[in-house]
């Protein structure tokens, strides 16, 4: 069994510290940005609604912590022009990463090109080195073969990461969905990363997803450039395992 502190040290730099309750204010966002830089090390990113991009970019300027902004969120509209405009604004406001929702309703209705047009539009507005993460909403795609196909489509459309969930619908992340996505990534020779989001709240849960990644893509694969956890409560458990007292905002609900 892996020592919890050892696992927690592995998890910490993979966290996208998330606040998407819709009740945020400037004070909470500033506190969240401070919380992202812990005594034990920095998280990978903070993940926020578009209105907070500029503030987070100012708060985190000169730090290694990225600003990740959700677009086409959470409903996943089949609106490429809207997704592109929203992405362009987020990038202009200082976003380093864009988390765009795949139009999963369109995908399930058989309109894969229409769904992927949103990914392509967001990609066009997210020039490297900025990263594009595509949220599949696996709890709605349900079947592993459907999840795998959507992951492959997103990767081929330019995704730097494929992500399980918005965190707004149940179920969120599940090991079965993660396996389907990681297998799709392996099929594309590791061309994209993986992000588990929606319900990952403990170091032990995080360890299950890392074990899957280690098994499918190799023990050296999971790193901040290839693997993330989108979470609000996970950081508290990580810091507790490391003997640190959590500070800052309670993001809640993701």
Protein backbone atom coordinates (compact mmCIF):
# COMPACT_ATOMS: atom_id res chain seq x y z
CA UNK A 1 0.00 0.00 0.00
CA UNK A 2 1.30 3.46 -0.92
CA UNK A 3 2.02 5.72 2.03
CA UNK A 4 -0.71 8.43 2.09
CA UNK A 5 1.87 11.21 2.39
CA UNK A 6 3.83 9.89 -0.58
CA UNK A 7 0.65 9.70 -2.65
CA UNK A 8 -0.43 13.16 -1.48
CA UNK A 9 2.88 14.65 -2.66
CA UNK A 10 2.23 13.10 -6.06
CA UNK A 11 -1.33 14.42 -6.22
CA UNK A 12 -0.70 18.01 -5.09
CA UNK A 13 0.94 19.37 -8.28
CA UNK A 14 -1.78 17.71 -10.41
CA UNK A 15 -4.72 19.64 -8.90
CA UNK A 16 -6.77 22.21 -10.80
CA UNK A 17 -8.20 23.97 -7.73
CA UNK A 18 -11.78 24.67 -8.78
CA UNK A 19 -14.55 27.04 -7.77
CA UNK A 20 -17.61 26.88 -10.02
CA UNK A 21 -20.50 27.37 -7.62
CA UNK A 22 -21.67 30.56 -9.31
CA UNK A 23 -21.60 32.31 -5.92
CA UNK A 24 -17.99 33.50 -6.14
CA UNK A 25 -16.96 37.06 -5.39
CA UNK A 26 -13.63 38.85 -5.78
CA UNK A 27 -12.61 38.12 -2.19
CA UNK A 28 -13.16 34.40 -2.62
CA UNK A 29 -11.24 34.32 -5.91
CA UNK A 30 -8.29 36.13 -4.36
CA UNK A 31 -8.34 33.72 -1.42
CA UNK A 32 -8.51 30.74 -3.77
CA UNK A 33 -5.45 32.01 -5.65
CA UNK A 34 -3.57 32.28 -2.37
CA UNK A 35 -4.73 28.79 -1.40
CA UNK A 36 -3.28 27.45 -4.68
CA UNK A 37 0.23 28.19 -3.38
CA UNK A 38 0.51 25.94 -0.36
CA UNK A 39 3.40 25.46 2.09
CA UNK A 40 3.82 21.99 0.57
CA UNK A 41 3.93 23.25 -3.03
CA UNK A 42 1.81 24.75 -5.78
CA UNK A 43 -1.21 23.24 -7.50
CA UNK A 44 -1.26 23.11 -11.31
CA UNK A 45 -4.03 25.65 -11.90
CA UNK A 46 -7.11 27.37 -10.60
CA UNK A 47 -10.28 26.66 -12.62
CA UNK A 48 -12.94 29.38 -12.73
CA UNK A 49 -15.78 31.00 -14.62
CA UNK A 50 -14.79 33.48 -17.37
CA UNK A 51 -15.68 36.60 -15.38
CA UNK A 52 -12.80 35.85 -12.98
CA UNK A 53 -10.03 35.33 -15.56
CA UNK A 54 -8.52 38.81 -15.33
CA UNK A 55 -8.53 38.88 -11.52
CA UNK A 56 -6.97 35.42 -11.25
CA UNK A 57 -4.36 36.33 -13.86
CA UNK A 58 -3.37 39.36 -11.78
CA UNK A 59 -3.31 37.41 -8.54
CA UNK A 60 -1.15 34.62 -10.01
CA UNK A 61 1.14 36.71 -12.23
CA UNK A 62 4.73 35.53 -11.94
CA UNK A 63 3.76 32.19 -10.33
CA UNK A 64 3.75 28.69 -11.85
CA UNK A 65 -0.02 28.34 -11.23
CA UNK A 66 -2.07 28.47 -14.44
CA UNK A 67 -5.43 30.16 -14.88
CA UNK A 68 -7.96 27.70 -16.38
CA UNK A 69 -11.30 29.08 -17.55
CA UNK A 70 -14.44 27.09 -18.42
CA UNK A 71 -16.31 27.91 -21.64
CA UNK A 72 -19.51 26.60 -23.19
CA UNK A 73 -20.18 25.62 -19.59
CA UNK A 74 -21.99 23.72 -18.26
CA UNK A 75 -24.69 22.97 -20.86
CA UNK A 76 -22.42 22.24 -23.81
CA UNK A 77 -24.30 24.16 -26.50
CA UNK A 78 -23.65 23.25 -30.13
CA UNK A 79 -22.55 26.82 -30.85
CA UNK A 80 -19.05 27.05 -32.36
CA UNK A 81 -19.18 30.83 -32.82
CA UNK A 82 -20.21 31.35 -29.21
CA UNK A 83 -17.51 29.01 -27.92
CA UNK A 84 -14.88 30.75 -30.01
CA UNK A 85 -15.92 34.22 -28.85
CA UNK A 86 -16.00 33.14 -25.20
CA UNK A 87 -12.58 31.53 -25.56
CA UNK A 88 -11.08 34.57 -27.25
CA UNK A 89 -12.27 36.79 -24.41
CA UNK A 90 -10.93 34.43 -21.75
CA UNK A 91 -7.54 34.33 -23.47
CA UNK A 92 -7.51 38.13 -23.77
CA UNK A 93 -8.25 38.32 -20.03
CA UNK A 94 -5.25 36.14 -19.21
CA UNK A 95 -6.38 32.50 -19.32
CA UNK A 96 -3.59 29.97 -19.75
CA UNK A 97 -5.95 27.03 -20.20
CA UNK A 98 -9.46 26.62 -21.57
CA UNK A 99 -11.84 23.88 -20.37
CA UNK A 100 -14.55 23.63 -23.05
CA UNK A 101 -17.64 21.43 -22.81
CA UNK A 102 -18.17 19.09 -25.75
CA UNK A 103 -21.80 19.32 -26.94
CA UNK A 104 -22.56 15.90 -25.56
CA UNK A 105 -26.24 16.17 -26.50
CA UNK A 106 -25.29 16.67 -30.14
CA UNK A 107 -22.82 13.80 -29.92
CA UNK A 108 -25.45 11.45 -28.52
CA UNK A 109 -27.89 12.54 -31.25
CA UNK A 110 -25.39 11.42 -33.89
CA UNK A 111 -24.11 14.87 -34.83
CA UNK A 112 -20.45 14.21 -34.11
CA UNK A 113 -19.23 16.84 -36.63
CA UNK A 114 -21.44 19.48 -35.00
CA UNK A 115 -20.12 18.59 -31.55
CA UNK A 116 -16.51 18.62 -32.69
CA UNK A 117 -16.99 21.97 -34.42
CA UNK A 118 -17.16 23.50 -30.94
CA UNK A 119 -13.85 21.86 -30.00
CA UNK A 120 -12.26 23.06 -33.22
CA UNK A 121 -13.54 26.61 -32.63
CA UNK A 122 -12.13 26.68 -29.10
CA UNK A 123 -8.87 25.21 -30.37
CA UNK A 124 -8.56 27.94 -32.98
CA UNK A 125 -8.79 30.55 -30.24
CA UNK A 126 -6.41 28.73 -27.86
CA UNK A 127 -2.99 28.99 -29.43
CA UNK A 128 -0.11 27.03 -27.87
CA UNK A 129 1.41 27.15 -25.34
CA UNK A 130 -2.11 27.61 -23.96
CA UNK A 131 -3.85 24.31 -23.33
CA UNK A 132 -7.29 23.17 -24.41
CA UNK A 133 -9.14 20.67 -22.19
CA UNK A 134 -12.34 19.11 -23.55
CA UNK A 135 -15.03 18.12 -21.04
CA UNK A 136 -16.88 15.02 -22.30
CA UNK A 137 -19.56 14.83 -19.55
CA UNK A 138 -19.02 11.09 -19.31
CA UNK A 139 -21.99 10.67 -16.97
CA UNK A 140 -24.21 11.43 -19.96
CA UNK A 141 -22.20 9.51 -22.58
CA UNK A 142 -22.39 6.51 -20.18
CA UNK A 143 -21.14 3.59 -22.27
CA UNK A 144 -17.37 3.00 -22.43
CA UNK A 145 -17.42 2.69 -26.22
CA UNK A 146 -19.22 6.03 -26.55
CA UNK A 147 -16.84 7.70 -24.10
CA UNK A 148 -13.86 6.27 -25.96
CA UNK A 149 -15.17 7.48 -29.33
CA UNK A 150 -15.81 10.98 -27.96
CA UNK A 151 -12.34 11.09 -26.44
CA UNK A 152 -10.76 10.04 -29.74
CA UNK A 153 -12.81 12.65 -31.60
CA UNK A 154 -11.77 15.39 -29.19
CA UNK A 155 -8.10 14.43 -29.39
CA UNK A 156 -8.23 14.41 -33.18
CA UNK A 157 -9.90 17.86 -33.09
CA UNK A 158 -6.99 19.29 -31.14
CA UNK A 159 -7.63 18.64 -27.44
CA UNK A 160 -4.58 18.81 -25.19
CA UNK A 161 -6.59 17.06 -22.46
CA UNK A 162 -9.84 15.14 -22.27
CA UNK A 163 -11.78 15.65 -19.05
CA UNK A 164 -14.52 13.60 -17.46
CA UNK A 165 -17.14 15.99 -16.17
CA UNK A 166 -18.42 19.50 -15.53
CA UNK A 167 -19.04 18.51 -11.93
CA UNK A 168 -22.62 19.72 -12.36
CA UNK A 169 -24.22 16.36 -13.23
CA UNK A 170 -24.08 12.94 -11.63
CA UNK A 171 -22.15 10.79 -11.98
CA UNK A 172 -18.97 12.81 -12.31
CA UNK A 173 -15.65 11.05 -12.67
CA UNK A 174 -15.74 7.25 -12.48
CA UNK A 175 -12.94 4.71 -12.89
CA UNK A 176 -14.78 3.07 -15.81
CA UNK A 177 -14.98 6.36 -17.69
CA UNK A 178 -11.36 7.10 -16.86
CA UNK A 179 -10.26 3.76 -18.24
CA UNK A 180 -12.08 4.35 -21.52
CA UNK A 181 -10.50 7.79 -21.85
CA UNK A 182 -7.01 6.64 -20.91
CA UNK A 183 -7.26 3.80 -23.42
CA UNK A 184 -8.23 6.33 -26.10
CA UNK A 185 -5.20 8.43 -25.15
CA UNK A 186 -2.99 5.34 -25.39
CA UNK A 187 -4.50 4.59 -28.81
CA UNK A 188 -3.29 8.04 -29.90
CA UNK A 189 0.17 7.37 -28.46
CA UNK A 190 -0.27 9.73 -25.55
CA UNK A 191 -1.20 12.69 -27.74
CA UNK A 192 -3.38 14.23 -25.00
CA UNK A 193 -3.62 14.36 -21.25
CA UNK A 194 -6.40 13.24 -18.90
CA UNK A 195 -8.35 15.18 -16.26
CA UNK A 196 -10.60 13.55 -13.68
CA UNK A 197 -13.20 15.99 -12.39
CA UNK A 198 -16.43 15.66 -10.49
CA UNK A 199 -16.39 13.99 -7.10
CA UNK A 200 -12.67 13.31 -6.51
CA UNK A 201 -12.32 14.49 -2.92
CA UNK A 202 -9.75 12.25 -1.22
CA UNK A 203 -6.16 11.19 -1.69
CA UNK A 204 -7.33 7.56 -1.78
CA UNK A 205 -9.76 8.30 -4.63
CA UNK A 206 -7.08 10.19 -6.52
CA UNK A 207 -4.80 7.20 -6.12
CA UNK A 208 -7.29 5.00 -7.99
CA UNK A 209 -7.07 7.24 -11.06
CA UNK A 210 -3.29 7.46 -10.90
CA UNK A 211 -3.11 3.66 -10.69
CA UNK A 212 -5.19 3.41 -13.87
CA UNK A 213 -2.91 5.86 -15.65
CA UNK A 214 0.17 3.99 -14.46
CA UNK A 215 -1.28 0.73 -15.72
CA UNK A 216 -2.38 1.99 -19.13
CA UNK A 217 0.24 4.62 -20.00
CA UNK A 218 3.15 3.78 -17.74
CA UNK A 219 4.28 4.94 -14.27
CA UNK A 220 6.23 7.93 -15.62
CA UNK A 221 3.34 9.35 -17.67
CA UNK A 222 1.16 11.17 -15.13
CA UNK A 223 2.59 14.66 -14.59
CA UNK A 224 1.08 18.16 -14.59
CA UNK A 225 1.48 18.37 -18.37
CA UNK A 226 -0.53 15.18 -18.88
CA UNK A 227 -2.73 14.53 -15.84
CA UNK A 228 -5.00 16.69 -13.67
CA UNK A 229 -7.64 16.46 -10.98
CA UNK A 230 -10.38 19.09 -11.15
CA UNK A 231 -11.48 19.46 -7.55
CA UNK A 232 -12.40 21.82 -4.75
CA UNK A 233 -12.13 19.59 -1.67
CA UNK A 234 -9.21 17.37 -2.69
CA UNK A 235 -6.56 19.91 -1.69
CA UNK A 236 -7.71 19.87 1.94
CA UNK A 237 -7.26 16.09 2.11
CA UNK A 238 -3.85 16.32 0.43
CA UNK A 239 -2.65 18.92 2.92
CA UNK A 240 -4.01 16.93 5.85
CA UNK A 241 -2.06 13.88 4.65
CA UNK A 242 1.04 16.06 4.53
CA UNK A 243 0.47 17.46 8.01
CA UNK A 244 -0.38 20.93 6.73
CA UNK A 245 -3.39 22.98 7.80
CA UNK A 246 -5.50 24.14 4.82
CA UNK A 247 -5.75 27.90 4.41
CA UNK A 248 -7.79 30.25 2.23
CA UNK A 249 -11.14 29.78 0.56
CA UNK A 250 -13.49 26.84 0.73
CA UNK A 251 -14.33 26.45 -2.94
CA UNK A 252 -17.00 23.81 -2.40
CA UNK A 253 -19.07 21.64 -4.63
CA UNK A 254 -16.85 20.17 -7.33
